[in-house]
C-alpha atoms as a PDB file:
ATOM      1  CA  MET A   1       0.004  -3.903 -24.920  1.00  0.00           C
ATOM      2  CA  SER A   2       2.261  -3.296 -21.926  1.00  0.00           C
ATOM      3  CA  LYS A   3       1.183  -1.095 -19.063  1.00  0.00           C
ATOM      4  CA  LYS A   4       3.428   1.752 -18.014  1.00  0.00           C
ATOM      5  CA  ASN A   5       4.350   1.887 -14.368  1.00  0.00           C
ATOM      6  CA  THR A   6       3.092   5.312 -13.376  1.00  0.00           C
ATOM      7  CA  THR A   7       4.115   6.982 -10.161  1.00  0.00           C
ATOM      8  CA  THR A   8       2.385  10.052  -8.818  1.00  0.00           C
ATOM      9  CA  GLU A   9       3.040  11.821  -5.543  1.00  0.00           C
ATOM     10  CA  VAL A  10       0.855  14.154  -3.495  1.00  0.00           C
ATOM     11  CA  GLU A  11       2.308  16.025  -0.510  1.00  0.00           C
ATOM     12  CA  GLN A  12       0.716  18.195   2.135  1.00  0.00           C
ATOM     13  CA  ALA A  13       2.436  21.363   3.333  1.00  0.00           C
ATOM     14  CA  ASP A  14       2.903  19.981   6.861  1.00  0.00           C
ATOM     15  CA  SER A  15       5.866  17.589   6.766  1.00  0.00           C
ATOM     16  CA  SER A  16       4.736  15.518   9.764  1.00  0.00           C
ATOM     17  CA  GLY A  17       2.531  12.518   9.200  1.00  0.00           C
ATOM     18  CA  TYR A  18       2.611   9.211   7.406  1.00  0.00           C
ATOM     19  CA  LYS A  19       4.208   8.558   4.030  1.00  0.00           C
ATOM     20  CA  ILE A  20       1.994   6.080   2.180  1.00  0.00           C
ATOM     21  CA  LEU A  21       2.697   4.113  -0.989  1.00  0.00           C
ATOM     22  CA  VAL A  22      -0.410   2.895  -2.854  1.00  0.00           C
ATOM     23  CA  VAL A  23       0.228   0.060  -5.323  1.00  0.00           C
ATOM     24  CA  GLU A  24      -2.920  -0.528  -7.384  1.00  0.00           C
ATOM     25  CA  GLU A  25      -3.134  -1.370 -11.082  1.00  0.00           C
ATOM     26  CA  ASP A  26      -6.654   0.012 -11.591  1.00  0.00           C
ATOM     27  CA  HIS A  27      -6.141   3.697 -12.457  1.00  0.00           C
ATOM     28  CA  PHE A  28      -9.520   4.838 -11.148  1.00  0.00           C
ATOM     29  CA  LEU A  29      -9.131   3.051  -7.797  1.00  0.00           C
ATOM     30  CA  ARG A  30      -5.523   4.186  -7.424  1.00  0.00           C
ATOM     31  CA  GLU A  31      -6.483   7.830  -7.990  1.00  0.00           C
ATOM     32  CA  ARG A  32      -9.523   7.569  -5.722  1.00  0.00           C
ATOM     33  CA  ILE A  33      -7.643   5.917  -2.842  1.00  0.00           C
ATOM     34  CA  SER A  34      -4.731   8.337  -3.145  1.00  0.00           C
ATOM     35  CA  GLY A  35      -7.063  11.336  -3.275  1.00  0.00           C
ATOM     36  CA  ILE A  36      -8.947  10.247  -0.170  1.00  0.00           C
ATOM     37  CA  LEU A  37      -5.782   9.478   1.784  1.00  0.00           C
ATOM     38  CA  SER A  38      -4.042  12.719   0.790  1.00  0.00           C
ATOM     39  CA  ARG A  39      -6.809  14.707   2.501  1.00  0.00           C
ATOM     40  CA  LEU A  40      -6.312  13.000   5.874  1.00  0.00           C
ATOM     41  CA  PRO A  41      -4.529  15.209   8.424  1.00  0.00           C
ATOM     42  CA  GLU A  42      -2.324  12.330   9.614  1.00  0.00           C
ATOM     43  CA  VAL A  43      -0.982  11.711   6.096  1.00  0.00           C
ATOM     44  CA  HIS A  44       1.935  13.710   4.694  1.00  0.00           C
ATOM     45  CA  THR A  45       2.735  12.023   1.386  1.00  0.00           C
ATOM     46  CA  VAL A  46       0.824   9.644  -0.873  1.00  0.00           C
ATOM     47  CA  THR A  47       2.805   8.068  -3.689  1.00  0.00           C
ATOM     48  CA  GLN A  48       1.104   5.764  -6.141  1.00  0.00           C
ATOM     49  CA  MET A  49       2.273   3.048  -8.480  1.00  0.00           C
ATOM     50  CA  ALA A  50       0.422   0.983 -11.064  1.00  0.00           C
ATOM     51  CA  ARG A  51       2.604  -2.133 -10.855  1.00  0.00           C
ATOM     52  CA  ASN A  52       4.848  -3.838  -8.378  1.00  0.00           C
ATOM     53  CA  ASP A  53       7.866  -4.605 -10.587  1.00  0.00           C
ATOM     54  CA  GLU A  54       9.674  -1.457  -9.403  1.00  0.00           C
ATOM     55  CA  MET A  55       8.162  -1.394  -5.942  1.00  0.00           C
ATOM     56  CA  LEU A  56      11.288  -2.348  -4.009  1.00  0.00           C
ATOM     57  CA  GLU A  57      13.237   0.482  -5.654  1.00  0.00           C
ATOM     58  CA  SER A  58      10.445   2.937  -4.830  1.00  0.00           C
ATOM     59  CA  VAL A  59      10.393   1.788  -1.216  1.00  0.00           C
ATOM     60  CA  ILE A  60      14.167   2.293  -0.955  1.00  0.00           C
ATOM     61  CA  GLU A  61      13.813   5.795  -2.426  1.00  0.00           C
ATOM     62  CA  MET A  62      10.690   6.862  -0.522  1.00  0.00           C
ATOM     63  CA  CYS A  63      11.003   4.980   2.805  1.00  0.00           C
ATOM     64  CA  PRO A  64       7.214   4.867   3.297  1.00  0.00           C
ATOM     65  CA  ASP A  65       5.653   4.290   6.688  1.00  0.00           C
ATOM     66  CA  ILE A  66       2.778   2.333   5.128  1.00  0.00           C
ATOM     67  CA  ILE A  67       2.343   0.373   1.897  1.00  0.00           C
ATOM     68  CA  LEU A  68      -1.143  -0.383   0.594  1.00  0.00           C
ATOM     69  CA  PHE A  69      -0.648  -3.210  -1.880  1.00  0.00           C
ATOM     70  CA  ASP A  70      -3.487  -4.473  -4.102  1.00  0.00           C
ATOM     71  CA  LEU A  71      -4.182  -8.093  -3.202  1.00  0.00           C
ATOM     72  CA  ALA A  72      -4.189  -9.227  -6.841  1.00  0.00           C
ATOM     73  CA  LEU A  73      -0.706  -7.745  -7.368  1.00  0.00           C
ATOM     74  CA  CYS A  74       0.470  -9.222  -4.073  1.00  0.00           C
ATOM     75  CA  ASN A  75      -0.744 -12.670  -5.142  1.00  0.00           C
ATOM     76  CA  ARG A  76       1.136 -12.406  -8.441  1.00  0.00           C
ATOM     77  CA  ASN A  77       4.412 -11.611  -6.725  1.00  0.00           C
ATOM     78  CA  LYS A  78       4.385 -12.918  -3.160  1.00  0.00           C
ATOM     79  CA  THR A  79       8.103 -12.366  -2.688  1.00  0.00           C
ATOM     80  CA  VAL A  80       7.956  -8.552  -2.939  1.00  0.00           C
ATOM     81  CA  ALA A  81       6.239  -8.083   0.425  1.00  0.00           C
ATOM     82  CA  GLY A  82       8.677 -10.492   2.060  1.00  0.00           C
ATOM     83  CA  LYS A  83      11.689  -8.657   0.638  1.00  0.00           C
ATOM     84  CA  ILE A  84      10.342  -5.322   1.816  1.00  0.00           C
ATOM     85  CA  ARG A  85       9.612  -6.818   5.233  1.00  0.00           C
ATOM     86  CA  GLN A  86      13.248  -7.976   5.502  1.00  0.00           C
ATOM     87  CA  GLU A  87      14.752  -4.677   4.352  1.00  0.00           C
ATOM     88  CA  PHE A  88      12.272  -2.341   6.074  1.00  0.00           C
ATOM     89  CA  PRO A  89      10.788  -4.104   9.119  1.00  0.00           C
ATOM     90  CA  GLN A  90       9.316  -0.818  10.420  1.00  0.00           C
ATOM     91  CA  THR A  91       7.167  -0.325   7.289  1.00  0.00           C
ATOM     92  CA  LEU A  92       3.566  -1.462   7.666  1.00  0.00           C
ATOM     93  CA  ILE A  93       2.346  -3.477   4.679  1.00  0.00           C
ATOM     94  CA  PHE A  94      -1.350  -4.028   4.082  1.00  0.00           C
ATOM     95  CA  CYS A  95      -3.047  -5.848   1.220  1.00  0.00           C
ATOM     96  CA  ILE A  96      -6.063  -3.901   0.027  1.00  0.00           C
ATOM     97  CA  THR A  97      -8.967  -5.866  -1.385  1.00  0.00           C
ATOM     98  CA  ASN A  98     -12.599  -5.696  -2.442  1.00  0.00           C
ATOM     99  CA  TYR A  99     -13.364  -9.229  -1.255  1.00  0.00           C
ATOM    100  CA  PRO A 100     -12.834 -11.324   1.872  1.00  0.00           C
ATOM    101  CA  VAL A 101      -9.536 -13.185   1.914  1.00  0.00           C
ATOM    102  CA  SER A 102      -9.711 -16.988   2.157  1.00  0.00           C
ATOM    103  CA  GLY A 103      -7.866 -18.847   4.914  1.00  0.00           C
ATOM    104  CA  ASN A 104      -5.254 -20.365   2.576  1.00  0.00           C
ATOM    105  CA  GLU A 105      -4.599 -17.080   0.818  1.00  0.00           C
ATOM    106  CA  ALA A 106      -4.285 -15.246   4.124  1.00  0.00           C
ATOM    107  CA  GLU A 107      -1.815 -17.793   5.481  1.00  0.00           C
ATOM    108  CA  GLU A 108       0.375 -17.596   2.375  1.00  0.00           C
ATOM    109  CA  LEU A 109       0.565 -13.811   2.599  1.00  0.00           C
ATOM    110  CA  LYS A 110       0.788 -13.410   6.383  1.00  0.00           C
ATOM    111  CA  ALA A 111       4.580 -13.724   6.420  1.00  0.00           C
ATOM    112  CA  GLY A 112       4.989 -10.511   4.456  1.00  0.00           C
ATOM    113  CA  VAL A 113       1.989  -8.360   5.367  1.00  0.00           C
ATOM    114  CA  ASP A 114       0.563  -6.812   8.511  1.00  0.00           C
ATOM    115  CA  GLY A 115      -3.047  -7.297   7.507  1.00  0.00           C
ATOM    116  CA  PHE A 116      -5.832  -6.860   5.009  1.00  0.00           C
ATOM    117  CA  ILE A 117      -7.912  -3.725   4.419  1.00  0.00           C
ATOM    118  CA  PHE A 118     -11.146  -3.452   2.450  1.00  0.00           C
ATOM    119  CA  LYS A 119     -10.976  -0.779  -0.249  1.00  0.00           C
ATOM    120  CA  SER A 120     -14.582   0.199   0.467  1.00  0.00           C
ATOM    121  CA  ASP A 121     -13.710   1.290   4.036  1.00  0.00           C
ATOM    122  CA  ILE A 122     -10.052   2.169   3.571  1.00  0.00           C
ATOM    123  CA  VAL A 123      -9.991   5.278   5.786  1.00  0.00           C
ATOM    124  CA  ASN A 124     -11.538   3.667   8.868  1.00  0.00           C
ATOM    125  CA  GLU A 125      -9.632   0.415   8.511  1.00  0.00           C
ATOM    126  CA  LEU A 126      -6.325   2.179   7.890  1.00  0.00           C
ATOM    127  CA  ARG A 127      -6.806   4.456  10.891  1.00  0.00           C
ATOM    128  CA  SER A 128      -7.644   1.444  13.043  1.00  0.00           C
ATOM    129  CA  ALA A 129      -4.564  -0.407  11.780  1.00  0.00           C
ATOM    130  CA  MET A 130      -2.323   2.630  12.433  1.00  0.00           C
ATOM    131  CA  LYS A 131      -3.546   2.786  16.035  1.00  0.00           C
ATOM    132  CA  LYS A 132      -2.726  -0.913  16.559  1.00  0.00           C
ATOM    133  CA  HIS A 133       0.803  -0.548  15.232  1.00  0.00           C
END
């Protein structure tokens, strides 16, 4: 059974703030993360996708400030983050994960991502990362 690539967008009335793309295949996590982020005052738009096969096209269309990319999806297609990095160097790309990232895995992904964020503390870690960049 093939999974449909679903995209949902939530916007706040105030047009200032970050545009965030959440790429997470788990429906429950994707909805939860997007819901939490959409309530933050510094966030304007949260767009979500279930798969990364159309991610580059969505990035071109949306021009997000930040991409939160599930680590499992990132590992399956390591070239996507690199392509986005080349085309949109200003976009921050973070792998989101439930588990610590091993040294080898981190090194392989470092070329295309700005860092790693734990899903369990996504608000605090994302805010900290935004301040650094």
